[in-house]
N, C-alpha and C. Protein backbone atom coordinates (compact mmCIF):
# COMPACT_ATOMS: atom_id res chain seq x y z
N MET A 1 55.19 6.69 53.71
CA MET A 1 54.79 8.04 54.01
C MET A 1 53.43 8.03 54.70
N ILE A 2 53.20 9.07 55.46
CA ILE A 2 51.91 9.25 56.11
C ILE A 2 51.37 10.62 55.70
N THR A 3 50.13 10.65 55.26
CA THR A 3 49.47 11.91 54.92
C THR A 3 48.27 12.07 55.84
N ARG A 4 48.21 13.22 56.50
CA ARG A 4 47.09 13.55 57.38
C ARG A 4 46.24 14.60 56.68
N LEU A 5 44.93 14.35 56.62
CA LEU A 5 44.02 15.26 55.93
C LEU A 5 42.93 15.74 56.87
N ARG A 6 42.55 16.99 56.74
CA ARG A 6 41.35 17.54 57.37
C ARG A 6 40.30 17.60 56.27
N ILE A 7 39.12 17.08 56.54
CA ILE A 7 38.09 16.97 55.52
C ILE A 7 36.83 17.69 55.98
N GLU A 8 36.37 18.62 55.16
CA GLU A 8 35.20 19.42 55.49
C GLU A 8 33.94 18.76 54.94
N GLY A 9 32.87 18.83 55.72
CA GLY A 9 31.56 18.35 55.27
C GLY A 9 31.17 17.00 55.83
N MET A 10 32.07 16.32 56.52
CA MET A 10 31.76 15.01 57.09
C MET A 10 31.06 15.20 58.43
N THR A 11 29.94 14.49 58.64
CA THR A 11 29.20 14.64 59.89
C THR A 11 28.80 13.32 60.55
N CYS A 12 29.00 12.19 59.85
CA CYS A 12 28.49 10.92 60.40
C CYS A 12 29.29 9.73 59.87
N GLN A 13 28.92 8.55 60.32
CA GLN A 13 29.61 7.33 59.89
C GLN A 13 29.39 7.03 58.41
N HIS A 14 28.25 7.45 57.87
CA HIS A 14 28.04 7.29 56.43
C HIS A 14 29.10 8.07 55.66
N CYS A 15 29.41 9.27 56.13
CA CYS A 15 30.44 10.09 55.50
C CYS A 15 31.80 9.39 55.57
N VAL A 16 32.10 8.79 56.72
CA VAL A 16 33.36 8.07 56.90
C VAL A 16 33.46 6.93 55.89
N ARG A 17 32.40 6.16 55.74
CA ARG A 17 32.40 5.05 54.77
C ARG A 17 32.55 5.55 53.35
N ALA A 18 31.89 6.67 53.03
CA ALA A 18 31.96 7.23 51.67
C ALA A 18 33.39 7.65 51.34
N VAL A 19 34.06 8.30 52.28
CA VAL A 19 35.44 8.74 52.05
C VAL A 19 36.37 7.53 51.97
N PHE A 20 36.21 6.57 52.87
CA PHE A 20 37.04 5.36 52.85
C PHE A 20 36.90 4.65 51.50
N THR A 21 35.68 4.50 51.05
CA THR A 21 35.42 3.84 49.77
C THR A 21 36.02 4.62 48.61
N ALA A 22 35.96 5.94 48.67
CA ALA A 22 36.53 6.78 47.60
C ALA A 22 38.05 6.66 47.54
N LEU A 23 38.67 6.40 48.68
CA LEU A 23 40.14 6.28 48.72
C LEU A 23 40.63 4.92 48.23
N THR A 24 39.77 3.92 48.24
CA THR A 24 40.16 2.55 47.90
C THR A 24 40.89 2.42 46.57
N PRO A 25 40.44 3.06 45.47
CA PRO A 25 41.14 2.86 44.19
C PRO A 25 42.42 3.68 44.01
N VAL A 26 42.76 4.56 44.96
CA VAL A 26 43.97 5.37 44.81
C VAL A 26 45.18 4.46 44.95
N PRO A 27 46.05 4.41 43.92
CA PRO A 27 47.20 3.52 43.98
C PRO A 27 48.21 3.93 45.06
N GLY A 28 48.79 2.93 45.70
CA GLY A 28 49.86 3.17 46.66
C GLY A 28 49.44 3.21 48.11
N ILE A 29 48.13 3.26 48.39
CA ILE A 29 47.67 3.32 49.78
C ILE A 29 47.81 1.95 50.41
N THR A 30 48.46 1.91 51.59
CA THR A 30 48.59 0.65 52.32
C THR A 30 47.59 0.56 53.47
N SER A 31 47.19 1.73 54.02
CA SER A 31 46.14 1.74 55.03
C SER A 31 45.55 3.14 55.12
N ALA A 32 44.29 3.20 55.55
CA ALA A 32 43.61 4.48 55.71
C ALA A 32 42.76 4.41 56.97
N ASP A 33 42.95 5.36 57.85
CA ASP A 33 42.15 5.49 59.06
C ASP A 33 41.32 6.75 58.89
N VAL A 34 40.03 6.57 58.61
CA VAL A 34 39.15 7.70 58.34
C VAL A 34 38.20 7.87 59.51
N SER A 35 38.09 9.11 59.99
CA SER A 35 37.13 9.45 61.04
C SER A 35 36.39 10.71 60.60
N VAL A 36 35.38 11.10 61.35
CA VAL A 36 34.61 12.28 60.98
C VAL A 36 35.55 13.50 60.95
N GLY A 37 35.71 14.07 59.76
CA GLY A 37 36.51 15.28 59.59
C GLY A 37 37.99 15.08 59.36
N ALA A 38 38.46 13.83 59.32
CA ALA A 38 39.90 13.62 59.17
C ALA A 38 40.21 12.25 58.58
N ALA A 39 41.43 12.15 58.05
CA ALA A 39 41.92 10.86 57.57
C ALA A 39 43.43 10.82 57.73
N VAL A 40 43.94 9.65 58.13
CA VAL A 40 45.36 9.41 58.21
C VAL A 40 45.64 8.26 57.25
N ILE A 41 46.47 8.54 56.24
CA ILE A 41 46.68 7.58 55.17
C ILE A 41 48.15 7.21 55.09
N GLU A 42 48.43 5.91 55.15
CA GLU A 42 49.79 5.42 54.94
C GLU A 42 49.89 4.98 53.50
N HIS A 43 50.98 5.37 52.85
CA HIS A 43 51.15 5.02 51.44
C HIS A 43 52.62 4.96 51.08
N ASP A 44 52.89 4.44 49.89
CA ASP A 44 54.27 4.26 49.44
C ASP A 44 54.83 5.48 48.71
N GLY A 45 54.12 6.57 48.70
CA GLY A 45 54.56 7.78 48.01
C GLY A 45 53.88 7.99 46.67
N ALA A 46 53.26 6.95 46.14
CA ALA A 46 52.57 7.07 44.86
C ALA A 46 51.25 7.82 45.00
N ALA A 47 50.67 7.80 46.18
CA ALA A 47 49.40 8.49 46.42
C ALA A 47 49.71 9.95 46.77
N THR A 48 49.60 10.82 45.80
CA THR A 48 49.89 12.23 46.01
C THR A 48 48.73 12.92 46.72
N ILE A 49 49.01 14.08 47.29
CA ILE A 49 47.95 14.85 47.93
C ILE A 49 46.87 15.20 46.91
N ASP A 50 47.28 15.51 45.69
CA ASP A 50 46.29 15.83 44.65
C ASP A 50 45.38 14.64 44.35
N ALA A 51 45.96 13.44 44.28
CA ALA A 51 45.16 12.24 44.00
C ALA A 51 44.20 11.96 45.15
N LEU A 52 44.67 12.14 46.39
CA LEU A 52 43.81 11.93 47.55
C LEU A 52 42.69 12.96 47.58
N ARG A 53 43.05 14.22 47.33
CA ARG A 53 42.06 15.30 47.32
C ARG A 53 40.99 15.05 46.25
N GLU A 54 41.43 14.64 45.06
CA GLU A 54 40.48 14.38 43.97
C GLU A 54 39.51 13.25 44.33
N ALA A 55 40.03 12.18 44.91
CA ALA A 55 39.18 11.05 45.30
C ALA A 55 38.15 11.48 46.33
N ILE A 56 38.56 12.28 47.29
CA ILE A 56 37.65 12.73 48.34
C ILE A 56 36.61 13.69 47.78
N GLU A 57 37.01 14.55 46.87
CA GLU A 57 36.06 15.49 46.26
C GLU A 57 35.01 14.76 45.44
N VAL A 58 35.38 13.65 44.81
CA VAL A 58 34.41 12.84 44.06
C VAL A 58 33.32 12.32 45.00
N SER A 59 33.69 12.05 46.24
CA SER A 59 32.70 11.54 47.20
C SER A 59 31.85 12.66 47.82
N GLY A 60 32.14 13.92 47.47
CA GLY A 60 31.30 15.02 47.91
C GLY A 60 31.84 15.85 49.07
N TYR A 61 33.10 15.65 49.44
CA TYR A 61 33.70 16.37 50.56
C TYR A 61 34.92 17.13 50.07
N SER A 62 35.46 18.01 50.90
CA SER A 62 36.64 18.77 50.46
C SER A 62 37.75 18.72 51.50
N VAL A 63 38.97 18.64 51.02
CA VAL A 63 40.15 18.62 51.88
C VAL A 63 40.52 20.07 52.18
N THR A 64 40.60 20.41 53.46
CA THR A 64 40.94 21.78 53.84
C THR A 64 42.38 21.91 54.30
N LEU A 65 43.01 20.81 54.69
CA LEU A 65 44.39 20.84 55.16
C LEU A 65 45.02 19.49 54.88
N ALA A 66 46.24 19.50 54.36
CA ALA A 66 46.96 18.26 54.09
C ALA A 66 48.39 18.39 54.59
N ASN A 67 48.88 17.35 55.24
CA ASN A 67 50.23 17.35 55.78
C ASN A 67 50.87 16.00 55.50
N GLU A 68 52.04 16.01 54.86
CA GLU A 68 52.75 14.76 54.58
C GLU A 68 53.93 14.60 55.52
N GLU A 69 54.12 13.38 55.99
CA GLU A 69 55.26 13.05 56.84
C GLU A 69 55.97 11.85 56.26
N ARG A 70 57.25 11.96 56.14
CA ARG A 70 58.03 10.79 55.73
C ARG A 70 58.32 9.98 56.98
N ARG A 71 58.26 8.68 56.83
CA ARG A 71 58.57 7.82 57.98
C ARG A 71 60.04 7.96 58.33
N ARG A 72 60.30 8.02 59.61
CA ARG A 72 61.68 8.14 60.08
C ARG A 72 62.06 6.87 60.83
N LEU A 73 63.29 6.49 60.64
CA LEU A 73 63.80 5.34 61.39
C LEU A 73 64.14 5.78 62.80
N PRO A 74 63.89 4.94 63.79
CA PRO A 74 64.22 5.32 65.16
C PRO A 74 65.73 5.40 65.35
N ILE A 75 66.15 6.35 66.12
CA ILE A 75 67.58 6.51 66.44
C ILE A 75 67.88 5.67 67.67
N VAL A 76 68.87 4.83 67.55
CA VAL A 76 69.20 3.92 68.65
C VAL A 76 70.41 4.41 69.39
C-alpha cells in the first residue's frame, strides 16, 4: 500500500529529518519519502493512517490530508 500525507508546520530539512525519524518505529513501513509538507509512505498495510498521524504529531507536526492507495497489478 501507499499512503500520501500532507503535513502542516514543516518548513526546512530539519523538519524533514524529524518526520522521517518519527516514522522509523512505525511497524510495516518499507519506505518513506519525506519532503517539506508531504510524505509518501510504502507499507504492508500494518501502518495505519492513525499510527502514521500519531508518529508525526509526536514530532511536532500535524497531518492535514491522508490518502491511501492499494497497489495495482499492471494489466497486460
